N, C-alpha and C. Protein backbone atom coordinates (compact mmCIF):
# COMPACT_ATOMS: atom_id res chain seq x y z
N LEU A 1 72.47 97.48 107.49
CA LEU A 1 73.77 97.90 108.10
C LEU A 1 73.48 98.88 109.19
N PRO A 2 74.22 98.90 110.18
CA PRO A 2 74.05 99.92 111.49
C PRO A 2 74.05 101.30 110.84
N PRO A 3 73.36 102.25 111.47
CA PRO A 3 73.36 103.61 110.85
C PRO A 3 74.88 104.28 110.80
N GLN A 4 75.83 103.77 111.57
CA GLN A 4 77.02 104.48 111.40
C GLN A 4 77.96 104.04 110.19
N VAL A 5 77.36 103.01 109.62
CA VAL A 5 78.14 102.34 108.62
C VAL A 5 77.59 102.73 107.23
N HIS A 6 78.30 103.20 106.39
CA HIS A 6 77.81 103.69 104.96
C HIS A 6 78.57 102.72 103.96
N ARG A 7 77.83 102.46 102.79
CA ARG A 7 78.54 101.76 101.77
C ARG A 7 78.99 102.99 100.90
N VAL A 8 80.14 102.60 100.34
CA VAL A 8 80.66 103.52 99.34
C VAL A 8 80.17 103.04 98.00
N ARG A 9 79.61 103.80 97.28
CA ARG A 9 79.27 103.56 95.88
C ARG A 9 80.08 104.02 94.82
N GLU A 10 80.50 102.97 93.96
CA GLU A 10 81.31 103.36 92.90
C GLU A 10 80.70 104.39 91.88
N PRO A 11 81.13 105.32 91.61
CA PRO A 11 80.49 106.34 90.57
C PRO A 11 80.51 105.52 89.27
N LYS A 12 79.51 106.03 88.57
CA LYS A 12 79.58 105.58 87.10
C LYS A 12 80.38 106.64 86.27
N VAL A 13 81.45 106.23 85.82
CA VAL A 13 82.41 107.05 85.15
C VAL A 13 82.22 107.11 83.74
N GLN A 14 81.91 108.50 83.15
CA GLN A 14 81.45 108.37 81.68
C GLN A 14 82.75 108.95 81.06
N PRO A 15 82.87 108.70 79.62
CA PRO A 15 84.14 109.02 78.88
C PRO A 15 83.87 110.52 78.40
N LEU A 16 83.76 111.33 79.20
CA LEU A 16 83.69 112.89 78.96
C LEU A 16 84.85 113.46 78.30
N ALA A 17 85.99 112.96 78.43
CA ALA A 17 87.17 113.63 77.91
C ALA A 17 87.71 112.84 76.63
N ALA A 18 86.82 111.96 76.18
CA ALA A 18 87.20 111.34 74.98
C ALA A 18 87.57 112.22 73.91
N GLY A 19 88.43 111.93 73.17
CA GLY A 19 88.92 112.77 71.81
C GLY A 19 89.55 114.02 72.27
N LEU A 20 89.87 114.18 73.56
CA LEU A 20 90.51 115.57 73.72
C LEU A 20 92.08 115.58 73.59
N GLU A 21 92.56 114.26 73.35
CA GLU A 21 94.00 114.15 73.34
C GLU A 21 94.82 114.43 74.49
N LEU A 22 94.19 114.02 75.69
CA LEU A 22 94.73 114.11 76.84
C LEU A 22 95.69 112.89 77.41
N SER A 23 96.56 113.04 78.22
CA SER A 23 97.48 111.90 78.59
C SER A 23 96.45 111.10 79.34
N GLY A 24 96.80 109.57 79.55
CA GLY A 24 95.88 108.80 80.11
C GLY A 24 95.34 109.03 81.59
N ASP A 25 96.46 109.37 82.33
CA ASP A 25 95.90 109.80 83.77
C ASP A 25 95.24 111.10 83.76
N VAL A 26 95.58 111.97 82.83
CA VAL A 26 94.59 113.42 83.08
C VAL A 26 93.31 113.02 82.54
N GLU A 27 93.13 112.15 81.49
CA GLU A 27 91.76 111.89 81.05
C GLU A 27 91.05 111.14 82.04
N GLN A 28 91.75 110.24 82.88
CA GLN A 28 90.92 109.58 83.87
C GLN A 28 90.42 110.48 84.95
N SER A 29 91.28 111.48 85.44
CA SER A 29 90.99 112.37 86.31
C SER A 29 89.72 113.20 85.85
N VAL A 30 89.74 113.68 84.61
CA VAL A 30 88.71 114.41 83.97
C VAL A 30 87.39 113.56 84.08
N ASN A 31 87.44 112.35 83.59
CA ASN A 31 86.30 111.54 83.50
C ASN A 31 85.70 111.37 84.63
N LEU A 32 86.55 110.95 85.84
CA LEU A 32 86.06 110.78 87.13
C LEU A 32 85.32 112.06 87.76
N TRP A 33 85.97 113.07 87.62
CA TRP A 33 85.57 114.07 88.40
C TRP A 33 84.28 114.81 87.66
N ALA A 34 84.43 114.78 86.27
CA ALA A 34 83.31 115.33 85.67
C ALA A 34 82.08 114.55 85.87
N SER A 35 82.28 113.06 85.85
CA SER A 35 81.15 112.40 86.19
C SER A 35 80.61 112.55 87.64
N LEU A 36 81.51 112.73 88.61
CA LEU A 36 81.00 113.05 90.00
C LEU A 36 80.23 114.28 89.95
N ILE A 37 80.59 115.35 89.18
CA ILE A 37 80.06 116.72 89.17
C ILE A 37 78.62 116.63 88.57
N LEU A 38 78.60 115.82 87.57
CA LEU A 38 77.19 115.47 86.85
C LEU A 38 76.14 114.97 87.78
N GLU A 39 76.61 113.89 88.69
CA GLU A 39 75.80 113.41 89.71
C GLU A 39 75.30 114.46 90.63
N ALA A 40 76.32 115.42 91.28
CA ALA A 40 76.07 116.39 92.02
C ALA A 40 75.05 117.54 91.44
N CYS A 41 75.25 117.74 90.05
CA CYS A 41 74.28 118.62 89.32
C CYS A 41 72.86 118.20 89.32
N GLN A 42 72.42 116.91 89.69
CA GLN A 42 71.09 116.69 89.81
C GLN A 42 70.49 117.20 91.13
N ARG A 43 71.22 117.85 92.18
CA ARG A 43 70.62 118.46 93.27
C ARG A 43 70.46 119.99 92.78
N GLN A 44 70.85 120.46 91.71
CA GLN A 44 70.81 121.80 91.40
C GLN A 44 71.63 122.71 92.33
N PRO A 45 72.88 122.60 92.48
CA PRO A 45 73.46 123.50 93.30
C PRO A 45 74.06 124.75 92.64
N GLN A 46 74.18 125.83 93.31
CA GLN A 46 74.80 126.97 92.70
C GLN A 46 76.26 126.99 92.36
N LEU A 47 77.01 126.15 93.33
CA LEU A 47 78.35 126.16 93.29
C LEU A 47 78.70 124.69 93.76
N ILE A 48 79.66 124.10 92.85
CA ILE A 48 80.36 122.91 93.08
C ILE A 48 81.73 123.02 93.43
N LEU A 49 82.34 122.42 94.45
CA LEU A 49 83.90 122.66 94.72
C LEU A 49 84.45 121.19 94.86
N ILE A 50 85.47 120.88 94.17
CA ILE A 50 86.17 119.60 94.34
C ILE A 50 87.46 119.73 94.78
N PRO A 51 88.01 118.71 95.42
CA PRO A 51 89.29 118.62 96.22
C PRO A 51 90.50 119.25 95.32
N GLU A 52 91.51 119.59 96.29
CA GLU A 52 92.70 120.19 95.71
C GLU A 52 93.44 119.11 94.71
N THR A 53 94.03 119.40 93.54
CA THR A 53 94.80 119.08 92.65
C THR A 53 94.22 117.58 92.26
N VAL A 54 92.89 117.41 91.99
CA VAL A 54 92.39 116.19 91.45
C VAL A 54 92.30 116.15 90.08
N ILE A 55 92.42 117.23 89.29
CA ILE A 55 92.30 117.42 87.92
C ILE A 55 94.00 117.50 87.56
N GLY A 56 94.41 116.50 86.71
CA GLY A 56 95.86 116.60 86.30
C GLY A 56 96.35 115.11 86.39
N GLY A 57 97.39 114.92 86.09
CA GLY A 57 98.23 113.66 86.00
C GLY A 57 98.70 113.36 87.40
N ARG A 58 99.16 112.25 87.56
CA ARG A 58 99.61 111.68 88.82
C ARG A 58 101.02 112.33 89.16
N SER A 59 101.86 112.73 88.19
CA SER A 59 102.96 113.57 88.34
C SER A 59 102.62 114.99 88.08
N PRO A 60 102.87 115.86 89.09
CA PRO A 60 102.34 117.20 88.92
C PRO A 60 102.93 117.87 87.80
N LEU A 61 104.36 117.80 87.40
CA LEU A 61 104.96 118.59 86.50
C LEU A 61 104.48 117.92 85.14
N GLU A 62 104.34 116.73 84.89
CA GLU A 62 104.17 116.11 83.75
C GLU A 62 102.47 116.12 83.36
N GLY A 63 101.64 116.09 84.42
CA GLY A 63 100.32 116.25 84.39
C GLY A 63 99.46 117.39 84.49
N ALA A 64 100.32 118.47 84.56
CA ALA A 64 99.55 119.81 84.57
C ALA A 64 98.77 120.22 83.46
N ILE A 65 97.79 120.85 83.59
CA ILE A 65 96.95 121.30 82.48
C ILE A 65 97.01 122.61 82.24
N THR A 66 96.73 123.11 81.01
CA THR A 66 96.54 124.55 80.84
C THR A 66 95.08 125.01 81.07
N VAL A 67 95.04 126.39 81.34
CA VAL A 67 93.55 126.76 81.92
C VAL A 67 93.44 127.99 80.95
N PRO A 68 92.41 128.22 80.25
CA PRO A 68 91.60 127.13 79.76
C PRO A 68 92.30 126.25 78.73
N GLY A 69 91.71 124.92 78.54
CA GLY A 69 92.51 124.10 77.65
C GLY A 69 91.56 122.91 77.49
N PRO A 70 92.12 121.90 76.85
CA PRO A 70 91.43 120.58 76.51
C PRO A 70 90.84 120.13 77.83
N ALA A 71 91.55 120.04 78.87
CA ALA A 71 90.99 119.26 80.22
C ALA A 71 90.01 120.11 80.84
N THR A 72 89.70 121.27 80.62
CA THR A 72 88.64 122.24 81.16
C THR A 72 87.33 122.15 80.31
N LYS A 73 87.38 121.64 79.13
CA LYS A 73 86.42 121.72 78.17
C LYS A 73 84.99 121.01 78.72
N PRO A 74 85.21 119.79 79.13
CA PRO A 74 83.97 118.89 79.85
C PRO A 74 83.34 119.92 80.96
N PHE A 75 84.23 120.40 81.79
CA PHE A 75 83.71 121.24 82.87
C PHE A 75 82.99 122.35 82.38
N GLU A 76 83.74 123.03 81.39
CA GLU A 76 82.88 124.45 80.81
C GLU A 76 81.41 123.89 80.30
N LYS A 77 81.47 122.76 79.60
CA LYS A 77 80.05 122.28 79.18
C LYS A 77 79.17 121.89 80.38
N ILE A 78 79.69 121.29 81.31
CA ILE A 78 78.85 120.97 82.47
C ILE A 78 78.09 122.33 83.18
N ALA A 79 79.05 123.21 83.34
CA ALA A 79 78.69 124.47 83.80
C ALA A 79 77.44 125.09 83.01
N ARG A 80 77.80 125.24 81.77
CA ARG A 80 76.83 125.69 80.87
C ARG A 80 75.42 124.98 80.85
N ASP A 81 75.59 123.79 80.77
CA ASP A 81 74.37 122.83 80.84
C ASP A 81 73.57 122.97 81.99
N HIS A 82 74.12 122.99 83.21
CA HIS A 82 73.45 122.95 84.32
C HIS A 82 73.53 124.27 85.24
N ASN A 83 73.96 125.35 84.57
CA ASN A 83 73.85 126.63 85.32
C ASN A 83 74.45 126.70 86.54
N VAL A 84 75.70 126.21 86.67
CA VAL A 84 76.34 126.11 87.85
C VAL A 84 77.83 126.67 87.90
N TYR A 85 78.30 127.23 88.98
CA TYR A 85 79.70 127.44 89.12
C TYR A 85 80.46 126.39 89.59
N LEU A 86 81.65 126.02 89.02
CA LEU A 86 82.48 125.01 89.35
C LEU A 86 83.97 125.51 89.77
N MET A 87 84.23 124.85 90.83
CA MET A 87 85.68 125.33 91.26
C MET A 87 86.46 124.02 91.25
N LEU A 88 87.31 124.00 90.40
CA LEU A 88 88.10 122.71 90.21
C LEU A 88 89.41 123.04 90.77
N GLY A 89 89.97 121.96 91.64
CA GLY A 89 91.33 121.89 92.11
C GLY A 89 92.22 121.10 90.93
N VAL A 90 93.24 121.92 90.60
CA VAL A 90 94.11 121.31 89.44
C VAL A 90 95.54 121.83 89.76
N TYR A 91 96.36 120.78 88.96
CA TYR A 91 97.77 121.25 88.66
C TYR A 91 97.71 122.02 87.39
N GLU A 92 97.98 123.33 87.28
CA GLU A 92 98.05 124.18 86.35
C GLU A 92 99.40 124.44 85.73
N ARG A 93 99.50 124.32 84.40
CA ARG A 93 100.82 124.72 83.75
C ARG A 93 100.51 126.15 83.13
N HIS A 94 101.26 127.19 83.47
CA HIS A 94 101.31 128.48 82.85
C HIS A 94 102.59 128.80 82.55
N ARG A 95 102.91 128.92 81.28
CA ARG A 95 104.25 129.30 80.71
C ARG A 95 105.12 128.12 81.16
N ASP A 96 106.26 128.58 81.89
CA ASP A 96 107.39 127.47 82.36
C ASP A 96 107.02 127.07 83.66
N ALA A 97 106.02 127.46 84.33
CA ALA A 97 105.75 127.12 85.82
C ALA A 97 104.37 126.26 85.95
N VAL A 98 104.44 125.39 87.04
CA VAL A 98 103.29 124.73 87.50
C VAL A 98 102.85 125.12 88.84
N TYR A 99 101.60 125.35 88.84
CA TYR A 99 101.10 125.73 90.24
C TYR A 99 99.94 124.74 90.59
N ASN A 100 99.67 124.89 91.94
CA ASN A 100 98.66 124.17 92.65
C ASN A 100 97.41 125.25 92.46
N SER A 101 96.36 125.09 91.85
CA SER A 101 95.48 126.13 91.49
C SER A 101 94.09 125.73 91.70
N THR A 102 93.30 126.72 91.82
CA THR A 102 91.78 126.50 91.80
C THR A 102 91.38 127.35 90.65
N VAL A 103 90.51 126.62 89.98
CA VAL A 103 89.89 127.35 88.44
C VAL A 103 88.41 127.44 88.90
N LEU A 104 88.00 128.70 88.59
CA LEU A 104 86.42 128.87 88.76
C LEU A 104 85.76 129.09 87.41
N ILE A 105 84.90 128.17 87.11
CA ILE A 105 84.24 128.31 85.67
C ILE A 105 82.78 128.64 86.07
N ASP A 106 82.42 129.66 85.35
CA ASP A 106 80.94 130.42 85.49
C ASP A 106 80.03 129.43 84.75
N PRO A 107 78.56 129.84 85.07
CA PRO A 107 77.57 129.11 84.41
C PRO A 107 77.69 129.28 82.86
N HIS A 108 78.29 130.30 82.15
CA HIS A 108 78.49 130.47 80.83
C HIS A 108 79.42 129.62 80.25
N GLY A 109 80.13 128.80 81.20
CA GLY A 109 81.21 128.02 80.54
C GLY A 109 82.60 128.74 80.35
N LYS A 110 82.83 129.82 81.01
CA LYS A 110 84.05 130.59 80.76
C LYS A 110 84.86 130.46 82.10
N VAL A 111 86.06 130.59 81.95
CA VAL A 111 87.04 130.70 83.15
C VAL A 111 86.86 131.91 83.76
N ALA A 112 86.26 132.04 85.01
CA ALA A 112 86.09 133.40 85.65
C ALA A 112 87.21 133.82 86.37
N GLY A 113 88.11 132.84 86.85
CA GLY A 113 89.36 133.20 87.57
C GLY A 113 90.06 131.95 87.95
N VAL A 114 91.33 132.24 88.20
CA VAL A 114 92.34 131.36 88.66
C VAL A 114 93.11 131.80 89.86
N TYR A 115 93.09 130.96 90.96
CA TYR A 115 93.78 131.21 92.12
C TYR A 115 95.00 130.16 92.32
N ARG A 116 96.17 130.71 92.66
CA ARG A 116 97.44 129.96 92.71
C ARG A 116 98.02 129.81 93.91
N LYS A 117 97.80 128.71 94.61
CA LYS A 117 98.25 128.54 96.04
C LYS A 117 99.47 129.34 96.33
N VAL A 118 99.38 130.06 97.52
CA VAL A 118 100.69 130.95 97.87
C VAL A 118 101.42 130.11 98.79
N HIS A 119 100.96 129.55 99.88
CA HIS A 119 101.69 128.84 100.95
C HIS A 119 101.87 127.59 100.57
N LEU A 120 102.84 127.03 100.03
CA LEU A 120 103.13 125.70 99.62
C LEU A 120 103.59 124.81 100.80
N ALA A 121 103.09 123.57 100.81
CA ALA A 121 103.78 122.63 101.57
C ALA A 121 105.22 122.24 100.97
N THR A 122 106.13 121.97 102.12
CA THR A 122 107.45 121.79 101.84
C THR A 122 107.61 120.88 100.44
N SER A 123 107.03 119.74 100.60
CA SER A 123 107.11 118.88 99.51
C SER A 123 106.67 119.40 98.28
N GLU A 124 105.69 120.29 98.13
CA GLU A 124 105.32 120.93 96.85
C GLU A 124 106.54 121.63 96.25
N GLY A 125 107.25 122.49 97.14
CA GLY A 125 108.37 123.45 96.63
C GLY A 125 109.50 122.37 96.29
N TRP A 126 109.61 121.30 96.88
CA TRP A 126 110.70 120.42 96.57
C TRP A 126 110.61 119.89 95.27
N SER A 127 109.10 119.51 94.80
CA SER A 127 108.81 118.99 93.63
C SER A 127 108.67 119.84 92.33
N GLY A 128 108.92 121.03 92.49
CA GLY A 128 108.87 121.89 91.38
C GLY A 128 107.52 122.76 91.17
N ILE A 129 106.68 122.72 92.21
CA ILE A 129 105.50 123.50 92.12
C ILE A 129 105.95 125.07 92.47
N SER A 130 105.26 125.97 91.93
CA SER A 130 105.76 127.32 91.90
C SER A 130 104.53 127.86 92.96
N PRO A 131 104.90 128.99 93.89
CA PRO A 131 103.78 129.56 94.56
C PRO A 131 103.13 130.65 93.70
N GLY A 132 102.00 130.96 94.17
CA GLY A 132 101.26 132.05 93.66
C GLY A 132 101.67 133.44 94.43
N ASN A 133 100.99 134.48 93.94
CA ASN A 133 101.41 135.77 94.60
C ASN A 133 100.35 136.72 95.10
N GLY A 134 99.15 136.14 95.18
CA GLY A 134 98.06 137.02 95.40
C GLY A 134 96.90 136.15 95.94
N PHE A 135 95.75 136.93 96.30
CA PHE A 135 94.55 136.48 96.72
C PHE A 135 93.36 137.16 96.01
N PRO A 136 93.30 136.72 94.83
CA PRO A 136 92.13 137.31 94.03
C PRO A 136 90.63 136.97 94.60
N VAL A 137 89.75 137.87 94.17
CA VAL A 137 88.33 137.62 94.46
C VAL A 137 87.55 137.76 93.08
N PHE A 138 86.60 136.82 92.82
CA PHE A 138 85.90 136.86 91.52
C PHE A 138 84.56 137.12 91.87
N ASP A 139 84.18 137.92 91.03
CA ASP A 139 82.73 138.40 91.13
C ASP A 139 81.64 137.31 90.38
N SER A 140 80.76 137.22 90.98
CA SER A 140 79.78 136.18 90.45
C SER A 140 78.32 136.54 90.74
N GLU A 141 77.36 135.93 90.17
CA GLU A 141 75.91 136.20 90.41
C GLU A 141 75.57 135.72 91.72
N ILE A 142 76.26 134.92 92.49
CA ILE A 142 75.99 134.33 93.73
C ILE A 142 76.77 134.91 94.87
N GLY A 143 77.65 135.77 94.56
CA GLY A 143 78.58 136.45 95.54
C GLY A 143 80.10 136.72 95.00
N ARG A 144 80.73 137.38 95.76
CA ARG A 144 82.09 137.43 95.35
C ARG A 144 82.93 136.30 96.13
N ILE A 145 83.67 135.52 95.31
CA ILE A 145 84.05 134.22 95.64
C ILE A 145 85.56 134.14 95.76
N GLY A 146 86.24 133.67 96.93
CA GLY A 146 87.59 133.73 96.98
C GLY A 146 88.03 132.27 97.25
N SER A 147 89.27 131.83 97.29
CA SER A 147 89.85 130.63 97.37
C SER A 147 90.99 130.56 97.98
N ILE A 148 91.29 129.68 98.95
CA ILE A 148 92.61 129.38 99.48
C ILE A 148 92.71 127.85 99.49
N ILE A 149 93.79 127.41 99.63
CA ILE A 149 94.01 125.71 99.03
C ILE A 149 95.07 125.31 100.43
N CYS A 150 94.44 124.24 101.07
CA CYS A 150 95.24 123.37 102.00
C CYS A 150 96.06 124.32 102.97
N MET A 151 97.43 124.27 102.73
CA MET A 151 98.34 124.86 103.61
C MET A 151 98.06 126.38 103.96
N ASP A 152 97.52 127.00 102.90
CA ASP A 152 97.06 128.35 102.91
C ASP A 152 96.21 128.63 104.30
N SER A 153 95.44 127.61 104.71
CA SER A 153 94.58 127.75 105.87
C SER A 153 95.37 127.84 107.19
N MET A 154 96.65 127.46 107.12
CA MET A 154 97.50 127.34 108.40
C MET A 154 97.79 128.79 108.82
N LEU A 155 97.51 129.61 108.09
CA LEU A 155 97.88 131.03 108.31
C LEU A 155 96.70 131.99 108.33
N GLY A 156 96.59 133.05 108.98
CA GLY A 156 95.45 133.92 108.91
C GLY A 156 95.61 135.04 107.77
N GLU A 157 96.80 135.14 107.18
CA GLU A 157 96.87 136.20 106.11
C GLU A 157 95.95 135.83 104.83
N PRO A 158 95.83 134.71 104.56
CA PRO A 158 95.06 134.47 103.23
C PRO A 158 93.58 134.84 103.37
N ALA A 159 92.97 134.21 104.48
CA ALA A 159 91.54 134.67 104.71
C ALA A 159 91.28 136.08 104.83
N ARG A 160 92.37 136.65 105.65
CA ARG A 160 92.10 138.19 105.85
C ARG A 160 92.34 138.93 104.60
N MET A 161 93.36 138.49 103.70
CA MET A 161 93.47 139.22 102.51
C MET A 161 92.18 139.03 101.49
N LEU A 162 91.59 137.90 101.65
CA LEU A 162 90.39 137.63 100.68
C LEU A 162 89.33 138.54 101.08
N ALA A 163 89.21 138.67 102.73
CA ALA A 163 88.08 139.44 103.20
C ALA A 163 88.45 140.98 102.80
N LEU A 164 89.70 141.46 102.90
CA LEU A 164 89.90 142.81 102.56
C LEU A 164 89.66 142.94 101.14
N ASN A 165 89.93 142.06 100.39
CA ASN A 165 89.46 142.09 98.86
C ASN A 165 88.07 141.97 98.41
N GLY A 166 87.29 141.78 99.48
CA GLY A 166 85.75 141.82 99.11
C GLY A 166 84.89 140.41 99.01
N ALA A 167 85.79 139.54 99.52
CA ALA A 167 85.17 138.03 99.41
C ALA A 167 84.07 137.86 100.31
N GLU A 168 83.00 137.37 99.72
CA GLU A 168 81.98 137.16 100.49
C GLU A 168 81.77 135.77 101.08
N PHE A 169 82.47 134.65 100.44
CA PHE A 169 82.69 133.47 100.77
C PHE A 169 83.99 132.82 100.37
N ILE A 170 84.47 131.91 101.12
CA ILE A 170 85.95 131.44 100.74
C ILE A 170 85.74 130.03 100.61
N CYS A 171 86.39 129.49 99.34
CA CYS A 171 86.30 128.11 99.01
C CYS A 171 87.76 127.47 99.50
N LEU A 172 87.76 126.30 100.27
CA LEU A 172 88.88 125.72 100.73
C LEU A 172 88.85 124.34 100.22
N PRO A 173 89.41 123.96 99.06
CA PRO A 173 89.82 122.51 98.48
C PRO A 173 90.99 122.15 99.36
N ILE A 174 91.03 121.01 99.81
CA ILE A 174 92.14 120.34 100.61
C ILE A 174 92.31 118.84 100.27
N MET A 175 93.55 118.51 100.26
CA MET A 175 93.80 117.05 99.75
C MET A 175 93.77 116.24 101.15
N GLY A 176 94.00 116.82 102.20
CA GLY A 176 94.16 116.00 103.50
C GLY A 176 94.40 117.14 104.60
N ASP A 177 94.10 116.54 105.80
CA ASP A 177 94.26 117.46 106.88
C ASP A 177 94.76 116.85 108.13
N LEU A 178 96.06 117.00 108.45
CA LEU A 178 96.72 116.40 109.64
C LEU A 178 96.17 116.88 111.03
N ARG A 179 95.44 117.92 110.98
CA ARG A 179 94.74 118.43 112.23
C ARG A 179 93.61 117.48 112.55
N ALA A 180 92.85 116.92 111.59
CA ALA A 180 91.68 116.04 111.79
C ALA A 180 91.96 114.96 112.62
N ASP A 181 93.29 114.43 112.71
CA ASP A 181 93.59 113.21 113.36
C ASP A 181 93.39 113.56 114.89
N ARG A 182 93.59 114.75 115.29
CA ARG A 182 93.53 115.09 116.77
C ARG A 182 91.96 114.94 117.14
N LEU A 183 91.01 115.17 116.18
CA LEU A 183 89.76 115.09 116.50
C LEU A 183 89.10 113.69 116.32
N THR A 184 89.72 112.98 115.82
CA THR A 184 89.21 111.44 115.53
C THR A 184 89.45 110.48 116.63
N PRO A 185 88.58 109.86 117.16
CA PRO A 185 88.90 108.94 118.34
C PRO A 185 89.79 107.96 117.71
N GLY A 186 90.81 107.47 118.61
CA GLY A 186 91.48 106.33 118.22
C GLY A 186 92.93 106.66 117.35
């Protein structure tokens, strides 16, 4: 193949969520992303970040997960086994609300923090997703970690608040970015 053409390899998906009693689509998302993370762990990273809202069901309200909970168990094990921080993009159910969240799991397999997206896309609000209300920063052995999600990056406030809260680096999981179209020829 010419150098600019890359073949996309299908990942080997392992049944890492088997027996956790997750709904079918949630189990599929956990199996896929846990398998991809395991592949990435072969490079011995300190932190792995995955995209926005990829852990959960196809329907945000019906497929939201509890944190910690059954759907985070495979990721907790991976973090422990590979001494890695994982930041997961999830639909999170907390009490009666559903959030677009990032979950930081530490190398001990514990949830070190949860960030709930503050600046929702219009469609998220219409679909019943609740906004978060702060910009937490989480202490880690590799530095103070903050997160913003997708639409949060359209405003200066989130990154500024994370910096004021002591973030040494900011993770930005994103589902898609319309701004990129302006940079792509054609």
